[in-house]
PDB file of all heavy atoms in Angstrom:
ATOM      1  N   GLU A   1     -12.821  14.415 -17.860  1.00  0.00           N
ATOM      2  CA  GLU A   1     -12.393  13.211 -18.563  1.00  0.00           C
ATOM      3  C   GLU A   1     -11.106  12.679 -17.953  1.00  0.00           C
ATOM      4  O   GLU A   1     -10.951  11.458 -17.770  1.00  0.00           O
ATOM      5  CB  GLU A   1     -12.193  13.516 -20.053  1.00  0.00           C
ATOM      6  CG  GLU A   1     -11.781  12.276 -20.845  1.00  0.00           C
ATOM      7  CD  GLU A   1     -11.498  12.568 -22.315  1.00  0.00           C
ATOM      8  OE1 GLU A   1     -11.410  13.776 -22.675  1.00  0.00           O
ATOM      9  OE2 GLU A   1     -11.356  11.621 -23.097  1.00  0.00           O
ATOM     10  N   PHE A   2     -10.166  13.582 -17.642  1.00  0.00           N
ATOM     11  CA  PHE A   2      -8.915  13.138 -17.020  1.00  0.00           C
ATOM     12  C   PHE A   2      -9.175  12.562 -15.632  1.00  0.00           C
ATOM     13  O   PHE A   2      -8.604  11.515 -15.252  1.00  0.00           O
ATOM     14  CB  PHE A   2      -7.915  14.295 -16.915  1.00  0.00           C
ATOM     15  CG  PHE A   2      -6.719  13.955 -16.101  1.00  0.00           C
ATOM     16  CD1 PHE A   2      -5.697  13.175 -16.615  1.00  0.00           C
ATOM     17  CD2 PHE A   2      -6.616  14.372 -14.767  1.00  0.00           C
ATOM     18  CE1 PHE A   2      -4.583  12.844 -15.857  1.00  0.00           C
ATOM     19  CE2 PHE A   2      -5.501  14.035 -14.006  1.00  0.00           C
ATOM     20  CZ  PHE A   2      -4.507  13.269 -14.546  1.00  0.00           C
ATOM     21  N   GLN A   3      -9.995  13.212 -14.838  1.00  0.00           N
ATOM     22  CA  GLN A   3     -10.274  12.735 -13.487  1.00  0.00           C
ATOM     23  C   GLN A   3     -10.939  11.350 -13.518  1.00  0.00           C
ATOM     24  O   GLN A   3     -10.625  10.499 -12.684  1.00  0.00           O
ATOM     25  CB  GLN A   3     -11.161  13.750 -12.766  1.00  0.00           C
ATOM     26  CG  GLN A   3     -10.455  15.063 -12.465  1.00  0.00           C
ATOM     27  CD  GLN A   3     -11.338  16.048 -11.747  1.00  0.00           C
ATOM     28  OE1 GLN A   3     -12.552  15.822 -11.582  1.00  0.00           O
ATOM     29  NE2 GLN A   3     -10.744  17.150 -11.289  1.00  0.00           N
ATOM     30  N   SER A   4     -11.826  11.131 -14.475  1.00  0.00           N
ATOM     31  CA  SER A   4     -12.469   9.844 -14.594  1.00  0.00           C
ATOM     32  C   SER A   4     -11.463   8.759 -14.967  1.00  0.00           C
ATOM     33  O   SER A   4     -11.493   7.644 -14.418  1.00  0.00           O
ATOM     34  CB  SER A   4     -13.586   9.925 -15.668  1.00  0.00           C
ATOM     35  OG  SER A   4     -14.162   8.658 -15.880  1.00  0.00           O
ATOM     36  N   TRP A   5     -10.544   9.091 -15.880  1.00  0.00           N
ATOM     37  CA  TRP A   5      -9.505   8.136 -16.297  1.00  0.00           C
ATOM     38  C   TRP A   5      -8.574   7.802 -15.115  1.00  0.00           C
ATOM     39  O   TRP A   5      -8.232   6.649 -14.882  1.00  0.00           O
ATOM     40  CB  TRP A   5      -8.718   8.709 -17.461  1.00  0.00           C
ATOM     41  CG  TRP A   5      -7.539   7.858 -17.853  1.00  0.00           C
ATOM     42  CD1 TRP A   5      -7.553   6.776 -18.669  1.00  0.00           C
ATOM     43  CD2 TRP A   5      -6.200   8.021 -17.399  1.00  0.00           C
ATOM     44  NE1 TRP A   5      -6.288   6.249 -18.771  1.00  0.00           N
ATOM     45  CE2 TRP A   5      -5.420   6.991 -17.995  1.00  0.00           C
ATOM     46  CE3 TRP A   5      -5.560   8.921 -16.582  1.00  0.00           C
ATOM     47  CZ2 TRP A   5      -4.059   6.862 -17.781  1.00  0.00           C
ATOM     48  CZ3 TRP A   5      -4.197   8.791 -16.354  1.00  0.00           C
ATOM     49  CH2 TRP A   5      -3.470   7.768 -16.960  1.00  0.00           C
ATOM     50  N   ALA A   6      -8.187   8.838 -14.357  1.00  0.00           N
ATOM     51  CA  ALA A   6      -7.270   8.620 -13.222  1.00  0.00           C
ATOM     52  C   ALA A   6      -7.911   7.740 -12.156  1.00  0.00           C
ATOM     53  O   ALA A   6      -7.272   6.855 -11.584  1.00  0.00           O
ATOM     54  CB  ALA A   6      -6.840   9.968 -12.632  1.00  0.00           C
ATOM     55  N   LYS A   7      -9.196   7.968 -11.870  1.00  0.00           N
ATOM     56  CA  LYS A   7      -9.886   7.146 -10.883  1.00  0.00           C
ATOM     57  C   LYS A   7     -10.005   5.699 -11.368  1.00  0.00           C
ATOM     58  O   LYS A   7      -9.878   4.769 -10.557  1.00  0.00           O
ATOM     59  CB  LYS A   7     -11.289   7.739 -10.617  1.00  0.00           C
ATOM     60  CG  LYS A   7     -11.234   9.062  -9.843  1.00  0.00           C
ATOM     61  CD  LYS A   7     -12.625   9.638  -9.653  1.00  0.00           C
ATOM     62  CE  LYS A   7     -12.562  10.969  -8.904  1.00  0.00           C
ATOM     63  NZ  LYS A   7     -13.918  11.571  -8.744  1.00  0.00           N
ATOM     64  N   ALA A   8     -10.255   5.534 -12.637  1.00  0.00           N
ATOM     65  CA  ALA A   8     -10.328   4.166 -13.195  1.00  0.00           C
ATOM     66  C   ALA A   8      -8.979   3.448 -13.079  1.00  0.00           C
ATOM     67  O   ALA A   8      -8.906   2.261 -12.789  1.00  0.00           O
ATOM     68  CB  ALA A   8     -10.784   4.208 -14.635  1.00  0.00           C
ATOM     69  N   GLN A   9      -7.873   4.203 -13.292  1.00  0.00           N
ATOM     70  CA  GLN A   9      -6.535   3.626 -13.137  1.00  0.00           C
ATOM     71  C   GLN A   9      -6.317   3.185 -11.691  1.00  0.00           C
ATOM     72  O   GLN A   9      -5.762   2.117 -11.425  1.00  0.00           O
ATOM     73  CB  GLN A   9      -5.473   4.650 -13.537  1.00  0.00           C
ATOM     74  CG  GLN A   9      -5.300   4.832 -15.028  1.00  0.00           C
ATOM     75  CD  GLN A   9      -4.471   3.697 -15.644  1.00  0.00           C
ATOM     76  OE1 GLN A   9      -3.943   2.867 -14.943  1.00  0.00           O
ATOM     77  NE2 GLN A   9      -4.380   3.705 -16.960  1.00  0.00           N
ATOM     78  N   ALA A  10      -6.711   4.029 -10.739  1.00  0.00           N
ATOM     79  CA  ALA A  10      -6.528   3.715  -9.331  1.00  0.00           C
ATOM     80  C   ALA A  10      -7.338   2.487  -8.937  1.00  0.00           C
ATOM     81  O   ALA A  10      -6.859   1.608  -8.209  1.00  0.00           O
ATOM     82  CB  ALA A  10      -6.913   4.912  -8.467  1.00  0.00           C
ATOM     83  N   THR A  11      -8.568   2.406  -9.435  1.00  0.00           N
ATOM     84  CA  THR A  11      -9.419   1.258  -9.136  1.00  0.00           C
ATOM     85  C   THR A  11      -8.823  -0.024  -9.703  1.00  0.00           C
ATOM     86  O   THR A  11      -8.804  -1.070  -9.018  1.00  0.00           O
ATOM     87  CB  THR A  11     -10.839   1.479  -9.729  1.00  0.00           C
ATOM     88  OG1 THR A  11     -11.397   2.640  -9.137  1.00  0.00           O
ATOM     89  CG2 THR A  11     -11.711   0.259  -9.449  1.00  0.00           C
ATOM     90  N   TYR A  12      -8.340   0.042 -10.919  1.00  0.00           N
ATOM     91  CA  TYR A  12      -7.707  -1.125 -11.536  1.00  0.00           C
ATOM     92  C   TYR A  12      -6.488  -1.573 -10.740  1.00  0.00           C
ATOM     93  O   TYR A  12      -6.292  -2.773 -10.465  1.00  0.00           O
ATOM     94  CB  TYR A  12      -7.295  -0.795 -12.981  1.00  0.00           C
ATOM     95  CG  TYR A  12      -6.375  -1.808 -13.601  1.00  0.00           C
ATOM     96  CD1 TYR A  12      -6.850  -3.034 -14.027  1.00  0.00           C
ATOM     97  CD2 TYR A  12      -5.013  -1.527 -13.730  1.00  0.00           C
ATOM     98  CE1 TYR A  12      -6.011  -3.981 -14.591  1.00  0.00           C
ATOM     99  CE2 TYR A  12      -4.156  -2.465 -14.305  1.00  0.00           C
ATOM    100  CZ  TYR A  12      -4.659  -3.688 -14.722  1.00  0.00           C
ATOM    101  OH  TYR A  12      -3.823  -4.609 -15.266  1.00  0.00           O
ATOM    102  N   THR A  13      -5.652  -0.624 -10.327  1.00  0.00           N
ATOM    103  CA  THR A  13      -4.441  -0.940  -9.562  1.00  0.00           C
ATOM    104  C   THR A  13      -4.794  -1.618  -8.252  1.00  0.00           C
ATOM    105  O   THR A  13      -4.193  -2.636  -7.868  1.00  0.00           O
ATOM    106  CB  THR A  13      -3.616   0.331  -9.298  1.00  0.00           C
ATOM    107  OG1 THR A  13      -3.256   0.933 -10.535  1.00  0.00           O
ATOM    108  CG2 THR A  13      -2.359   0.013  -8.508  1.00  0.00           C
ATOM    109  N   GLN A  14      -5.772  -1.066  -7.532  1.00  0.00           N
ATOM    110  CA  GLN A  14      -6.170  -1.657  -6.247  1.00  0.00           C
ATOM    111  C   GLN A  14      -6.728  -3.060  -6.424  1.00  0.00           C
ATOM    112  O   GLN A  14      -6.477  -3.946  -5.617  1.00  0.00           O
ATOM    113  CB  GLN A  14      -7.212  -0.757  -5.568  1.00  0.00           C
ATOM    114  CG  GLN A  14      -6.650   0.515  -4.992  1.00  0.00           C
ATOM    115  CD  GLN A  14      -5.568   0.252  -3.942  1.00  0.00           C
ATOM    116  OE1 GLN A  14      -5.710  -0.613  -3.092  1.00  0.00           O
ATOM    117  NE2 GLN A  14      -4.466   0.996  -4.034  1.00  0.00           N
ATOM    118  N   ASP A  15      -7.478  -3.272  -7.500  1.00  0.00           N
ATOM    119  CA  ASP A  15      -8.027  -4.604  -7.745  1.00  0.00           C
ATOM    120  C   ASP A  15      -6.918  -5.643  -7.953  1.00  0.00           C
ATOM    121  O   ASP A  15      -6.986  -6.766  -7.441  1.00  0.00           O
ATOM    122  CB  ASP A  15      -8.964  -4.582  -8.965  1.00  0.00           C
ATOM    123  CG  ASP A  15     -10.247  -3.858  -8.699  1.00  0.00           C
ATOM    124  OD1 ASP A  15     -10.586  -3.653  -7.515  1.00  0.00           O
ATOM    125  OD2 ASP A  15     -10.947  -3.490  -9.681  1.00  0.00           O
ATOM    126  N   VAL A  16      -5.898  -5.246  -8.691  1.00  0.00           N
ATOM    127  CA  VAL A  16      -4.783  -6.135  -8.952  1.00  0.00           C
ATOM    128  C   VAL A  16      -4.017  -6.443  -7.645  1.00  0.00           C
ATOM    129  O   VAL A  16      -3.711  -7.593  -7.317  1.00  0.00           O
ATOM    130  CB  VAL A  16      -3.823  -5.559 -10.011  1.00  0.00           C
ATOM    131  CG1 VAL A  16      -2.560  -6.421 -10.126  1.00  0.00           C
ATOM    132  CG2 VAL A  16      -4.524  -5.463 -11.346  1.00  0.00           C
ATOM    133  N   LEU A  17      -3.697  -5.401  -6.868  1.00  0.00           N
ATOM    134  CA  LEU A  17      -2.932  -5.582  -5.652  1.00  0.00           C
ATOM    135  C   LEU A  17      -3.697  -6.394  -4.606  1.00  0.00           C
ATOM    136  O   LEU A  17      -3.140  -7.257  -3.923  1.00  0.00           O
ATOM    137  CB  LEU A  17      -2.530  -4.218  -5.096  1.00  0.00           C
ATOM    138  CG  LEU A  17      -1.567  -3.391  -5.933  1.00  0.00           C
ATOM    139  CD1 LEU A  17      -1.298  -2.027  -5.279  1.00  0.00           C
ATOM    140  CD2 LEU A  17      -0.239  -4.121  -6.117  1.00  0.00           C
ATOM    141  N   GLN A  18      -4.962  -6.089  -4.455  1.00  0.00           N
ATOM    142  CA  GLN A  18      -5.747  -6.781  -3.424  1.00  0.00           C
ATOM    143  C   GLN A  18      -5.989  -8.263  -3.758  1.00  0.00           C
ATOM    144  O   GLN A  18      -6.327  -9.037  -2.874  1.00  0.00           O
ATOM    145  CB  GLN A  18      -7.077  -6.065  -3.251  1.00  0.00           C
ATOM    146  CG  GLN A  18      -6.927  -4.710  -2.570  1.00  0.00           C
ATOM    147  CD  GLN A  18      -8.242  -3.928  -2.495  1.00  0.00           C
ATOM    148  OE1 GLN A  18      -9.285  -4.439  -2.886  1.00  0.00           O
ATOM    149  NE2 GLN A  18      -8.154  -2.714  -2.015  1.00  0.00           N
ATOM    150  N   SER A  19      -5.788  -8.647  -5.012  1.00  0.00           N
ATOM    151  CA  SER A  19      -5.987 -10.050  -5.388  1.00  0.00           C
ATOM    152  C   SER A  19      -4.747 -10.883  -5.077  1.00  0.00           C
ATOM    153  O   SER A  19      -4.779 -12.108  -5.175  1.00  0.00           O
ATOM    154  CB  SER A  19      -6.308 -10.139  -6.879  1.00  0.00           C
ATOM    155  OG  SER A  19      -5.195  -9.739  -7.647  1.00  0.00           O
ATOM    156  N   LEU A  20      -3.638 -10.261  -4.688  1.00  0.00           N
ATOM    157  CA  LEU A  20      -2.418 -11.003  -4.387  1.00  0.00           C
ATOM    158  C   LEU A  20      -2.532 -11.711  -3.039  1.00  0.00           C
ATOM    159  O   LEU A  20      -2.770 -11.047  -2.011  1.00  0.00           O
ATOM    160  CB  LEU A  20      -1.206 -10.076  -4.386  1.00  0.00           C
ATOM    161  CG  LEU A  20      -0.913  -9.313  -5.688  1.00  0.00           C
ATOM    162  CD1 LEU A  20       0.264  -8.393  -5.489  1.00  0.00           C
ATOM    163  CD2 LEU A  20      -0.625 -10.304  -6.808  1.00  0.00           C
ATOM    164  N   PRO A  21      -2.379 -13.021  -2.970  1.00  0.00           N
ATOM    165  CA  PRO A  21      -2.506 -13.739  -1.695  1.00  0.00           C
ATOM    166  C   PRO A  21      -1.369 -13.368  -0.733  1.00  0.00           C
ATOM    167  O   PRO A  21      -0.224 -13.233  -1.170  1.00  0.00           O
ATOM    168  CB  PRO A  21      -2.433 -15.211  -2.110  1.00  0.00           C
ATOM    169  CG  PRO A  21      -1.692 -15.220  -3.411  1.00  0.00           C
ATOM    170  CD  PRO A  21      -2.085 -13.942  -4.104  1.00  0.00           C
ATOM    171  N   GLY A  22      -1.708 -13.139   0.515  1.00  0.00           N
ATOM    172  CA  GLY A  22      -0.687 -12.829   1.511  1.00  0.00           C
ATOM    173  C   GLY A  22      -0.272 -11.388   1.548  1.00  0.00           C
ATOM    174  O   GLY A  22       0.561 -10.987   2.377  1.00  0.00           O
ATOM    175  N   ARG A  23      -0.848 -10.546   0.687  1.00  0.00           N
ATOM    176  CA  ARG A  23      -0.401  -9.144   0.629  1.00  0.00           C
ATOM    177  C   ARG A  23      -0.684  -8.408   1.917  1.00  0.00           C
ATOM    178  O   ARG A  23       0.175  -7.677   2.420  1.00  0.00           O
ATOM    179  CB  ARG A  23      -1.083  -8.438  -0.563  1.00  0.00           C
ATOM    180  CG  ARG A  23      -0.698  -6.966  -0.673  1.00  0.00           C
ATOM    181  CD  ARG A  23      -1.359  -6.300  -1.879  1.00  0.00           C
ATOM    182  NE  ARG A  23      -0.950  -4.912  -1.985  1.00  0.00           N
ATOM    183  CZ  ARG A  23      -1.597  -3.899  -1.411  1.00  0.00           C
ATOM    184  NH1 ARG A  23      -2.697  -4.156  -0.692  1.00  0.00           N
ATOM    185  NH2 ARG A  23      -1.180  -2.667  -1.545  1.00  0.00           N
ATOM    186  N   ASP A  24      -1.877  -8.555   2.485  1.00  0.00           N
ATOM    187  CA  ASP A  24      -2.235  -7.853   3.708  1.00  0.00           C
ATOM    188  C   ASP A  24      -1.334  -8.268   4.871  1.00  0.00           C
ATOM    189  O   ASP A  24      -0.913  -7.440   5.678  1.00  0.00           O
ATOM    190  CB  ASP A  24      -3.696  -8.102   4.079  1.00  0.00           C
ATOM    191  CG  ASP A  24      -4.655  -7.444   3.112  1.00  0.00           C
ATOM    192  OD1 ASP A  24      -4.208  -6.512   2.406  1.00  0.00           O
ATOM    193  OD2 ASP A  24      -5.826  -7.829   3.070  1.00  0.00           O
ATOM    194  N   LYS A  25      -0.999  -9.536   4.936  1.00  0.00           N
ATOM    195  CA  LYS A  25      -0.133 -10.031   5.990  1.00  0.00           C
ATOM    196  C   LYS A  25       1.297  -9.457   5.832  1.00  0.00           C
ATOM    197  O   LYS A  25       1.939  -9.047   6.805  1.00  0.00           O
ATOM    198  CB  LYS A  25      -0.081 -11.555   5.944  1.00  0.00           C
ATOM    199  CG  LYS A  25       0.749 -12.173   7.068  1.00  0.00           C
ATOM    200  CD  LYS A  25       0.710 -13.696   7.005  1.00  0.00           C
ATOM    201  CE  LYS A  25       1.552 -14.321   8.097  1.00  0.00           C
ATOM    202  NZ  LYS A  25       1.519 -15.812   8.033  1.00  0.00           N
ATOM    203  N   LEU A  26       1.745  -9.436   4.580  1.00  0.00           N
ATOM    204  CA  LEU A  26       3.070  -8.880   4.310  1.00  0.00           C
ATOM    205  C   LEU A  26       3.106  -7.390   4.640  1.00  0.00           C
ATOM    206  O   LEU A  26       4.067  -6.896   5.229  1.00  0.00           O
ATOM    207  CB  LEU A  26       3.440  -9.107   2.847  1.00  0.00           C
ATOM    208  CG  LEU A  26       4.788  -8.536   2.369  1.00  0.00           C
ATOM    209  CD1 LEU A  26       5.946  -9.150   3.140  1.00  0.00           C
ATOM    210  CD2 LEU A  26       4.962  -8.738   0.862  1.00  0.00           C
ATOM    211  N   LEU A  27       2.076  -6.661   4.251  1.00  0.00           N
ATOM    212  CA  LEU A  27       2.030  -5.221   4.495  1.00  0.00           C
ATOM    213  C   LEU A  27       2.030  -4.927   5.995  1.00  0.00           C
ATOM    214  O   LEU A  27       2.697  -3.989   6.455  1.00  0.00           O
ATOM    215  CB  LEU A  27       0.767  -4.631   3.840  1.00  0.00           C
ATOM    216  CG  LEU A  27       0.643  -3.111   3.909  1.00  0.00           C
ATOM    217  CD1 LEU A  27       1.780  -2.432   3.205  1.00  0.00           C
ATOM    218  CD2 LEU A  27      -0.698  -2.681   3.292  1.00  0.00           C
ATOM    219  N   LYS A  28       1.305  -5.742   6.742  1.00  0.00           N
ATOM    220  CA  LYS A  28       1.263  -5.570   8.190  1.00  0.00           C
ATOM    221  C   LYS A  28       2.649  -5.795   8.819  1.00  0.00           C
ATOM    222  O   LYS A  28       3.083  -5.063   9.693  1.00  0.00           O
ATOM    223  CB  LYS A  28       0.261  -6.523   8.799  1.00  0.00           C
ATOM    224  CG  LYS A  28       0.133  -6.422  10.323  1.00  0.00           C
ATOM    225  CD  LYS A  28      -0.864  -7.419  10.866  1.00  0.00           C
ATOM    226  CE  LYS A  28      -0.919  -7.331  12.398  1.00  0.00           C
ATOM    227  NZ  LYS A  28      -1.902  -8.322  12.966  1.00  0.00           N
ATOM    228  N   ARG A  29       3.359  -6.822   8.314  1.00  0.00           N
ATOM    229  CA  ARG A  29       4.685  -7.114   8.856  1.00  0.00           C
ATOM    230  C   ARG A  29       5.687  -6.016   8.514  1.00  0.00           C
ATOM    231  O   ARG A  29       6.516  -5.619   9.357  1.00  0.00           O
ATOM    232  CB  ARG A  29       5.184  -8.454   8.299  1.00  0.00           C
ATOM    233  CG  ARG A  29       6.550  -8.886   8.828  1.00  0.00           C
ATOM    234  CD  ARG A  29       6.572  -8.954  10.350  1.00  0.00           C
ATOM    235  NE  ARG A  29       7.865  -9.428  10.831  1.00  0.00           N
ATOM    236  CZ  ARG A  29       8.359  -9.133  12.046  1.00  0.00           C
ATOM    237  NH1 ARG A  29       7.664  -8.370  12.869  1.00  0.00           N
ATOM    238  NH2 ARG A  29       9.529  -9.610  12.413  1.00  0.00           N
ATOM    239  N   ILE A  30       5.597  -5.486   7.300  1.00  0.00           N
ATOM    240  CA  ILE A  30       6.472  -4.380   6.905  1.00  0.00           C
ATOM    241  C   ILE A  30       6.237  -3.158   7.804  1.00  0.00           C
ATOM    242  O   ILE A  30       7.176  -2.495   8.251  1.00  0.00           O
ATOM    243  CB  ILE A  30       6.249  -4.017   5.420  1.00  0.00           C
ATOM    244  CG1 ILE A  30       6.772  -5.143   4.520  1.00  0.00           C
ATOM    245  CG2 ILE A  30       6.944  -2.694   5.062  1.00  0.00           C
ATOM    246  CD1 ILE A  30       6.470  -4.942   3.064  1.00  0.00           C
ATOM    247  N   ALA A  31       4.963  -2.880   8.081  1.00  0.00           N
ATOM    248  CA  ALA A  31       4.641  -1.742   8.964  1.00  0.00           C
ATOM    249  C   ALA A  31       5.192  -1.957  10.361  1.00  0.00           C
ATOM    250  O   ALA A  31       5.690  -1.019  11.001  1.00  0.00           O
ATOM    251  CB  ALA A  31       3.119  -1.553   9.025  1.00  0.00           C
ATOM    252  N   GLU A  32       5.150  -3.191  10.853  1.00  0.00           N
ATOM    253  CA  GLU A  32       5.700  -3.499  12.170  1.00  0.00           C
ATOM    254  C   GLU A  32       7.196  -3.246  12.216  1.00  0.00           C
ATOM    255  O   GLU A  32       7.713  -2.655  13.170  1.00  0.00           O
ATOM    256  CB  GLU A  32       5.403  -4.949  12.540  1.00  0.00           C
ATOM    257  CG  GLU A  32       3.946  -5.244  12.822  1.00  0.00           C
ATOM    258  CD  GLU A  32       3.673  -6.729  13.027  1.00  0.00           C
ATOM    259  OE1 GLU A  32       4.613  -7.537  12.782  1.00  0.00           O
ATOM    260  OE2 GLU A  32       2.567  -7.072  13.425  1.00  0.00           O
ATOM    261  N   LEU A  33       7.893  -3.690  11.200  1.00  0.00           N
ATOM    262  CA  LEU A  33       9.361  -3.512  11.155  1.00  0.00           C
ATOM    263  C   LEU A  33       9.729  -2.059  10.937  1.00  0.00           C
ATOM    264  O   LEU A  33      10.710  -1.544  11.495  1.00  0.00           O
ATOM    265  CB  LEU A  33       9.951  -4.389  10.045  1.00  0.00           C
ATOM    266  CG  LEU A  33       9.822  -5.885  10.239  1.00  0.00           C
ATOM    267  CD1 LEU A  33      10.319  -6.633   9.004  1.00  0.00           C
ATOM    268  CD2 LEU A  33      10.592  -6.342  11.472  1.00  0.00           C
ATOM    269  N   ASP A  34       8.957  -1.369  10.122  1.00  0.00           N
ATOM    270  CA  ASP A  34       9.236   0.033   9.799  1.00  0.00           C
ATOM    271  C   ASP A  34       9.073   0.916  11.036  1.00  0.00           C
ATOM    272  O   ASP A  34       9.727   1.949  11.141  1.00  0.00           O
ATOM    273  CB  ASP A  34       8.310   0.501   8.674  1.00  0.00           C
ATOM    274  CG  ASP A  34       8.748   1.815   8.103  1.00  0.00           C
ATOM    275  OD1 ASP A  34       9.955   1.980   7.873  1.00  0.00           O
ATOM    276  OD2 ASP A  34       7.895   2.693   7.876  1.00  0.00           O
ATOM    277  N   ASN A  35       8.222   0.509  11.949  1.00  0.00           N
ATOM    278  CA  ASN A  35       7.975   1.287  13.165  1.00  0.00           C
ATOM    279  C   ASN A  35       8.549   0.608  14.408  1.00  0.00           C
ATOM    280  O   ASN A  35       8.059   0.788  15.510  1.00  0.00           O
ATOM    281  CB  ASN A  35       6.458   1.502  13.367  1.00  0.00           C
ATOM    282  CG  ASN A  35       5.886   2.440  12.347  1.00  0.00           C
ATOM    283  OD1 ASN A  35       6.201   3.616  12.355  1.00  0.00           O
ATOM    284  ND2 ASN A  35       5.054   1.945  11.469  1.00  0.00           N
ATOM    285  N   ALA A  36       9.625  -0.154  14.206  1.00  0.00           N
ATOM    286  CA  ALA A  36      10.146  -0.953  15.322  1.00  0.00           C
ATOM    287  C   ALA A  36      11.003  -0.142  16.271  1.00  0.00           C
ATOM    288  O   ALA A  36      11.140  -0.508  17.434  1.00  0.00           O
ATOM    289  CB  ALA A  36      10.972  -2.125  14.768  1.00  0.00           C
ATOM    290  N   GLY A  37      11.582   0.949  15.828  1.00  0.00           N
ATOM    291  CA  GLY A  37      12.547   1.653  16.663  1.00  0.00           C
ATOM    292  C   GLY A  37      12.229   3.132  16.846  1.00  0.00           C
ATOM    293  O   GLY A  37      11.465   3.718  16.080  1.00  0.00           O
ATOM    294  N   VAL A  38      12.826   3.718  17.860  1.00  0.00           N
ATOM    295  CA  VAL A  38      12.720   5.145  18.111  1.00  0.00           C
ATOM    296  C   VAL A  38      13.800   5.866  17.312  1.00  0.00           C
ATOM    297  O   VAL A  38      14.968   5.465  17.304  1.00  0.00           O
ATOM    298  CB  VAL A  38      12.917   5.444  19.626  1.00  0.00           C
ATOM    299  CG1 VAL A  38      12.912   6.943  19.887  1.00  0.00           C
ATOM    300  CG2 VAL A  38      11.835   4.757  20.447  1.00  0.00           C
ATOM    301  N   GLN A  39      13.398   6.924  16.614  1.00  0.00           N
ATOM    302  CA  GLN A  39      14.327   7.663  15.770  1.00  0.00           C
ATOM    303  C   GLN A  39      14.714   8.983  16.450  1.00  0.00           C
ATOM    304  O   GLN A  39      13.847   9.739  16.878  1.00  0.00           O
ATOM    305  CB  GLN A  39      13.708   7.974  14.406  1.00  0.00           C
ATOM    306  CG  GLN A  39      13.304   6.724  13.619  1.00  0.00           C
ATOM    307  CD  GLN A  39      14.510   5.864  13.251  1.00  0.00           C
ATOM    308  OE1 GLN A  39      15.579   6.359  12.922  1.00  0.00           O
ATOM    309  NE2 GLN A  39      14.317   4.565  13.312  1.00  0.00           N
ATOM    310  N   ILE A  40      16.034   9.255  16.543  1.00  0.00           N
ATOM    311  CA  ILE A  40      16.559  10.475  17.161  1.00  0.00           C
ATOM    312  C   ILE A  40      17.306  11.279  16.083  1.00  0.00           C
ATOM    313  O   ILE A  40      18.063  10.720  15.296  1.00  0.00           O
ATOM    314  CB  ILE A  40      17.523  10.159  18.310  1.00  0.00           C
ATOM    315  CG1 ILE A  40      16.817   9.346  19.400  1.00  0.00           C
ATOM    316  CG2 ILE A  40      18.126  11.439  18.903  1.00  0.00           C
ATOM    317  CD1 ILE A  40      15.738  10.095  20.137  1.00  0.00           C
ATOM    318  N   SER A  41      17.085  12.603  16.089  1.00  0.00           N
ATOM    319  CA  SER A  41      17.788  13.466  15.111  1.00  0.00           C
ATOM    320  C   SER A  41      18.035  14.836  15.733  1.00  0.00           C
ATOM    321  O   SER A  41      17.486  15.155  16.800  1.00  0.00           O
ATOM    322  CB  SER A  41      16.989  13.583  13.823  1.00  0.00           C
ATOM    323  OG  SER A  41      15.732  14.160  14.071  1.00  0.00           O
ATOM    324  N   SER A  42      18.884  15.639  15.057  1.00  0.00           N
ATOM    325  CA  SER A  42      19.178  17.029  15.469  1.00  0.00           C
ATOM    326  C   SER A  42      19.712  17.090  16.895  1.00  0.00           C
ATOM    327  O   SER A  42      19.379  18.015  17.647  1.00  0.00           O
ATOM    328  CB  SER A  42      17.944  17.923  15.329  1.00  0.00           C
ATOM    329  OG  SER A  42      17.467  17.924  14.016  1.00  0.00           O
TER     330      SER A  42
END
């Protein structure tokens, strides 16, 4: 019962997000900026 409810919540969330105009374009641009540079540590 819990697993069925959780999957329904995920499906509802994705339906809402995917209906937003320009979301895929925005997400692609964020990914480009997020991976724009080389990270050095240690």
